Amino acid sequence: LIHFYKREMDTLAEKFSRATSKEDREKVLFAAESWAKEKGEDALVYVKIMKAALETGKEGVEKEKARIEKVMDNKASDRVKAKMVKKMNVLNSFSVKDEL
């Protein structure tokens, strides 16, 4: 079940990245929010990134990736690292494409 929702959310992230207008991105965000309500906290990470990307674009996604890498290098907690790995995997769903 987790893999199924992840595929769906990855697909939405890809659609979000490919969208050429803010209006199209907002439509994808709406769909992602609906999915996230059903699927829980892990799916909400996608929504948070989409909301941030609406405002900051690709640069915001890249900054967040850099921040996560820094946290993973500096924090010793396995729990924090595990959380950051999940978030980085989600971010990678967005950055596969050249446009955001």
N, C-alpha and C. Protein backbone atom coordinates (compact mmCIF):
# COMPACT_ATOMS: atom_id res chain seq x y z
N LEU A 1 0.82 -1.20 0.00
CA LEU A 1 0.00 0.00 0.00
C LEU A 1 0.86 1.26 0.00
N ILE A 2 1.90 1.27 0.78
CA ILE A 2 2.79 2.43 0.81
C ILE A 2 3.41 2.67 -0.55
N HIS A 3 3.84 1.60 -1.21
CA HIS A 3 4.47 1.76 -2.52
C HIS A 3 3.47 2.31 -3.53
N PHE A 4 2.21 1.90 -3.43
CA PHE A 4 1.20 2.38 -4.36
C PHE A 4 1.01 3.89 -4.21
N TYR A 5 0.82 4.37 -3.00
CA TYR A 5 0.61 5.81 -2.83
C TYR A 5 1.86 6.57 -3.23
N LYS A 6 3.03 5.99 -2.97
CA LYS A 6 4.27 6.68 -3.34
C LYS A 6 4.37 6.83 -4.85
N ARG A 7 4.00 5.79 -5.57
CA ARG A 7 4.00 5.90 -7.04
C ARG A 7 3.05 6.99 -7.49
N GLU A 8 1.87 7.02 -6.88
CA GLU A 8 0.89 8.05 -7.24
C GLU A 8 1.43 9.44 -6.93
N MET A 9 2.02 9.60 -5.76
CA MET A 9 2.56 10.90 -5.38
C MET A 9 3.76 11.28 -6.24
N ASP A 10 4.60 10.30 -6.58
CA ASP A 10 5.72 10.57 -7.49
C ASP A 10 5.21 11.03 -8.85
N THR A 11 4.13 10.41 -9.32
CA THR A 11 3.53 10.80 -10.59
C THR A 11 3.02 12.24 -10.51
N LEU A 12 2.37 12.57 -9.41
CA LEU A 12 1.90 13.95 -9.23
C LEU A 12 3.06 14.93 -9.15
N ALA A 13 4.14 14.52 -8.49
CA ALA A 13 5.32 15.38 -8.41
C ALA A 13 5.90 15.64 -9.80
N GLU A 14 5.91 14.58 -10.61
CA GLU A 14 6.40 14.73 -11.98
C GLU A 14 5.49 15.66 -12.78
N LYS A 15 4.18 15.49 -12.65
CA LYS A 15 3.24 16.37 -13.35
C LYS A 15 3.42 17.81 -12.89
N PHE A 16 3.64 17.98 -11.59
CA PHE A 16 3.85 19.31 -11.03
C PHE A 16 5.09 19.94 -11.66
N SER A 17 6.16 19.15 -11.76
CA SER A 17 7.41 19.65 -12.32
C SER A 17 7.28 20.01 -13.79
N ARG A 18 6.45 19.27 -14.50
CA ARG A 18 6.27 19.51 -15.93
C ARG A 18 5.27 20.61 -16.25
N ALA A 19 4.45 20.97 -15.27
CA ALA A 19 3.41 21.98 -15.51
C ALA A 19 4.05 23.29 -15.97
N THR A 20 3.43 23.91 -16.96
CA THR A 20 4.01 25.11 -17.53
C THR A 20 3.43 26.40 -16.96
N SER A 21 2.36 26.29 -16.19
CA SER A 21 1.77 27.49 -15.61
C SER A 21 1.49 27.26 -14.12
N LYS A 22 1.39 28.37 -13.42
CA LYS A 22 1.06 28.28 -12.00
C LYS A 22 -0.32 27.64 -11.82
N GLU A 23 -1.23 27.94 -12.71
CA GLU A 23 -2.58 27.37 -12.64
C GLU A 23 -2.53 25.85 -12.73
N ASP A 24 -1.73 25.34 -13.66
CA ASP A 24 -1.60 23.89 -13.80
C ASP A 24 -0.96 23.28 -12.55
N ARG A 25 0.03 23.95 -11.99
CA ARG A 25 0.66 23.46 -10.75
C ARG A 25 -0.34 23.43 -9.61
N GLU A 26 -1.19 24.44 -9.55
CA GLU A 26 -2.20 24.49 -8.49
C GLU A 26 -3.19 23.34 -8.62
N LYS A 27 -3.53 22.96 -9.84
CA LYS A 27 -4.42 21.81 -10.06
C LYS A 27 -3.77 20.53 -9.54
N VAL A 28 -2.49 20.36 -9.84
CA VAL A 28 -1.78 19.16 -9.37
C VAL A 28 -1.68 19.20 -7.85
N LEU A 29 -1.41 20.36 -7.28
CA LEU A 29 -1.35 20.51 -5.83
C LEU A 29 -2.69 20.11 -5.20
N PHE A 30 -3.79 20.53 -5.79
CA PHE A 30 -5.11 20.17 -5.28
C PHE A 30 -5.29 18.66 -5.25
N ALA A 31 -4.89 18.00 -6.33
CA ALA A 31 -4.98 16.53 -6.39
C ALA A 31 -4.09 15.89 -5.32
N ALA A 32 -2.90 16.43 -5.16
CA ALA A 32 -1.96 15.89 -4.16
C ALA A 32 -2.51 16.07 -2.75
N GLU A 33 -3.13 17.20 -2.49
CA GLU A 33 -3.72 17.43 -1.17
C GLU A 33 -4.82 16.41 -0.88
N SER A 34 -5.61 16.10 -1.88
CA SER A 34 -6.67 15.10 -1.70
C SER A 34 -6.07 13.73 -1.35
N TRP A 35 -5.04 13.35 -2.08
CA TRP A 35 -4.36 12.07 -1.80
C TRP A 35 -3.75 12.08 -0.40
N ALA A 36 -3.10 13.17 -0.07
CA ALA A 36 -2.39 13.25 1.21
C ALA A 36 -3.34 13.14 2.40
N LYS A 37 -4.54 13.68 2.25
CA LYS A 37 -5.52 13.58 3.34
C LYS A 37 -5.83 12.13 3.65
N GLU A 38 -5.86 11.31 2.61
CA GLU A 38 -6.15 9.89 2.79
C GLU A 38 -4.94 9.09 3.24
N LYS A 39 -3.76 9.48 2.78
CA LYS A 39 -2.57 8.65 2.96
C LYS A 39 -1.69 9.03 4.15
N GLY A 40 -1.89 10.21 4.70
CA GLY A 40 -1.19 10.55 5.93
C GLY A 40 0.08 11.36 5.77
N GLU A 41 0.85 11.34 6.84
CA GLU A 41 1.99 12.24 7.01
C GLU A 41 3.04 12.13 5.91
N ASP A 42 3.39 10.93 5.50
CA ASP A 42 4.41 10.79 4.47
C ASP A 42 3.99 11.48 3.18
N ALA A 43 2.73 11.37 2.83
CA ALA A 43 2.23 12.00 1.61
C ALA A 43 2.19 13.52 1.74
N LEU A 44 2.04 14.01 2.96
CA LEU A 44 1.99 15.46 3.18
C LEU A 44 3.32 16.13 2.83
N VAL A 45 4.41 15.39 2.87
CA VAL A 45 5.71 15.95 2.49
C VAL A 45 5.65 16.45 1.05
N TYR A 46 5.02 15.68 0.18
CA TYR A 46 4.88 16.09 -1.22
C TYR A 46 4.12 17.41 -1.32
N VAL A 47 3.04 17.52 -0.55
CA VAL A 47 2.21 18.71 -0.58
C VAL A 47 3.01 19.92 -0.10
N LYS A 48 3.75 19.76 0.97
CA LYS A 48 4.55 20.86 1.50
C LYS A 48 5.56 21.35 0.46
N ILE A 49 6.19 20.42 -0.23
CA ILE A 49 7.18 20.79 -1.24
C ILE A 49 6.49 21.50 -2.40
N MET A 50 5.33 21.01 -2.82
CA MET A 50 4.60 21.66 -3.90
C MET A 50 4.21 23.09 -3.52
N LYS A 51 3.73 23.26 -2.30
CA LYS A 51 3.34 24.61 -1.86
C LYS A 51 4.54 25.54 -1.86
N ALA A 52 5.66 25.06 -1.36
CA ALA A 52 6.87 25.88 -1.35
C ALA A 52 7.34 26.19 -2.77
N ALA A 53 7.26 25.19 -3.65
CA ALA A 53 7.73 25.37 -5.02
C ALA A 53 6.85 26.34 -5.80
N LEU A 54 5.58 26.44 -5.44
CA LEU A 54 4.72 27.44 -6.09
C LEU A 54 5.28 28.83 -5.89
N GLU A 55 5.87 29.06 -4.72
CA GLU A 55 6.40 30.38 -4.40
C GLU A 55 7.84 30.56 -4.84
N THR A 56 8.66 29.52 -4.69
CA THR A 56 10.10 29.68 -4.89
C THR A 56 10.62 29.04 -6.17
N GLY A 57 9.81 28.19 -6.80
CA GLY A 57 10.25 27.53 -8.02
C GLY A 57 11.33 26.50 -7.77
N LYS A 58 12.05 26.18 -8.82
CA LYS A 58 13.09 25.15 -8.75
C LYS A 58 14.17 25.49 -7.73
N GLU A 59 14.46 26.77 -7.59
CA GLU A 59 15.50 27.19 -6.65
C GLU A 59 15.17 26.76 -5.22
N GLY A 60 13.90 26.85 -4.88
CA GLY A 60 13.47 26.45 -3.54
C GLY A 60 13.69 24.97 -3.30
N VAL A 61 13.41 24.16 -4.31
CA VAL A 61 13.61 22.71 -4.18
C VAL A 61 15.10 22.42 -4.02
N GLU A 62 15.92 23.08 -4.81
CA GLU A 62 17.37 22.87 -4.73
C GLU A 62 17.93 23.31 -3.38
N LYS A 63 17.43 24.43 -2.85
CA LYS A 63 17.87 24.90 -1.54
C LYS A 63 17.51 23.90 -0.45
N GLU A 64 16.31 23.35 -0.54
CA GLU A 64 15.87 22.37 0.46
C GLU A 64 16.72 21.10 0.38
N LYS A 65 17.07 20.68 -0.83
CA LYS A 65 17.95 19.52 -0.98
C LYS A 65 19.30 19.79 -0.32
N ALA A 66 19.85 20.97 -0.53
CA ALA A 66 21.13 21.33 0.06
C ALA A 66 21.03 21.35 1.59
N ARG A 67 19.91 21.88 2.10
CA ARG A 67 19.70 21.93 3.55
C ARG A 67 19.65 20.52 4.13
N ILE A 68 18.93 19.63 3.47
CA ILE A 68 18.80 18.26 3.96
C ILE A 68 20.15 17.55 3.94
N GLU A 69 20.91 17.74 2.88
CA GLU A 69 22.24 17.13 2.82
C GLU A 69 23.10 17.60 3.98
N LYS A 70 23.01 18.89 4.30
CA LYS A 70 23.78 19.45 5.41
C LYS A 70 23.35 18.83 6.74
N VAL A 71 22.04 18.71 6.94
CA VAL A 71 21.51 18.10 8.17
C VAL A 71 22.00 16.66 8.29
N MET A 72 21.94 15.93 7.17
CA MET A 72 22.35 14.53 7.20
C MET A 72 23.84 14.39 7.51
N ASP A 73 24.63 15.35 7.06
CA ASP A 73 26.06 15.32 7.35
C ASP A 73 26.36 15.67 8.81
N ASN A 74 25.53 16.52 9.40
CA ASN A 74 25.82 17.04 10.74
C ASN A 74 25.12 16.32 11.89
N LYS A 75 23.95 15.81 11.67
CA LYS A 75 23.17 15.19 12.75
C LYS A 75 23.56 13.73 12.94
N ALA A 76 23.69 13.33 14.19
CA ALA A 76 24.07 11.96 14.49
C ALA A 76 22.86 11.03 14.66
N SER A 77 21.72 11.62 14.93
CA SER A 77 20.52 10.81 15.22
C SER A 77 20.07 10.00 14.01
N ASP A 78 19.92 8.70 14.22
CA ASP A 78 19.43 7.83 13.16
C ASP A 78 18.00 8.19 12.76
N ARG A 79 17.22 8.60 13.73
CA ARG A 79 15.83 8.97 13.46
C ARG A 79 15.77 10.19 12.53
N VAL A 80 16.59 11.18 12.81
CA VAL A 80 16.63 12.38 11.98
C VAL A 80 17.12 12.03 10.58
N LYS A 81 18.16 11.21 10.50
CA LYS A 81 18.69 10.81 9.19
C LYS A 81 17.64 10.05 8.37
N ALA A 82 16.91 9.17 9.02
CA ALA A 82 15.88 8.41 8.32
C ALA A 82 14.80 9.34 7.77
N LYS A 83 14.42 10.31 8.56
CA LYS A 83 13.41 11.28 8.13
C LYS A 83 13.94 12.11 6.95
N MET A 84 15.20 12.50 7.02
CA MET A 84 15.80 13.29 5.96
C MET A 84 15.95 12.48 4.66
N VAL A 85 16.25 11.21 4.78
CA VAL A 85 16.36 10.34 3.60
C VAL A 85 15.01 10.28 2.89
N LYS A 86 13.93 10.11 3.67
CA LYS A 86 12.59 10.08 3.08
C LYS A 86 12.30 11.38 2.35
N LYS A 87 12.63 12.49 3.00
CA LYS A 87 12.35 13.79 2.40
C LYS A 87 13.18 14.00 1.13
N MET A 88 14.43 13.55 1.16
CA MET A 88 15.29 13.69 -0.02
C MET A 88 14.73 12.85 -1.17
N ASN A 89 14.24 11.67 -0.87
CA ASN A 89 13.63 10.84 -1.92
C ASN A 89 12.44 11.55 -2.55
N VAL A 90 11.65 12.20 -1.74
CA VAL A 90 10.51 12.96 -2.25
C VAL A 90 11.01 14.11 -3.13
N LEU A 91 11.99 14.84 -2.64
CA LEU A 91 12.53 15.96 -3.42
C LEU A 91 13.07 15.49 -4.76
N ASN A 92 13.68 14.33 -4.78
CA ASN A 92 14.20 13.80 -6.03
C ASN A 92 13.09 13.54 -7.04
N SER A 93 11.89 13.27 -6.56
CA SER A 93 10.75 13.09 -7.45
C SER A 93 10.45 14.37 -8.23
N PHE A 94 10.76 15.49 -7.63
CA PHE A 94 10.51 16.78 -8.27
C PHE A 94 11.66 17.19 -9.19
N SER A 95 12.87 16.86 -8.81
CA SER A 95 14.02 17.42 -9.52
C SER A 95 14.51 16.58 -10.68
N VAL A 96 13.83 15.49 -10.99
CA VAL A 96 14.21 14.66 -12.13
C VAL A 96 14.08 15.48 -13.42
N LYS A 97 13.15 16.37 -13.45
CA LYS A 97 12.89 17.19 -14.64
C LYS A 97 13.68 18.49 -14.56
N ASP A 98 13.90 19.08 -15.72
CA ASP A 98 14.65 20.33 -15.79
C ASP A 98 13.80 21.55 -15.40
N GLU A 99 12.50 21.44 -15.55
CA GLU A 99 11.65 22.60 -15.32
C GLU A 99 10.76 22.39 -14.11
N LEU A 100 10.59 23.48 -13.37
CA LEU A 100 9.66 23.46 -12.24
C LEU A 100 8.89 24.75 -12.27
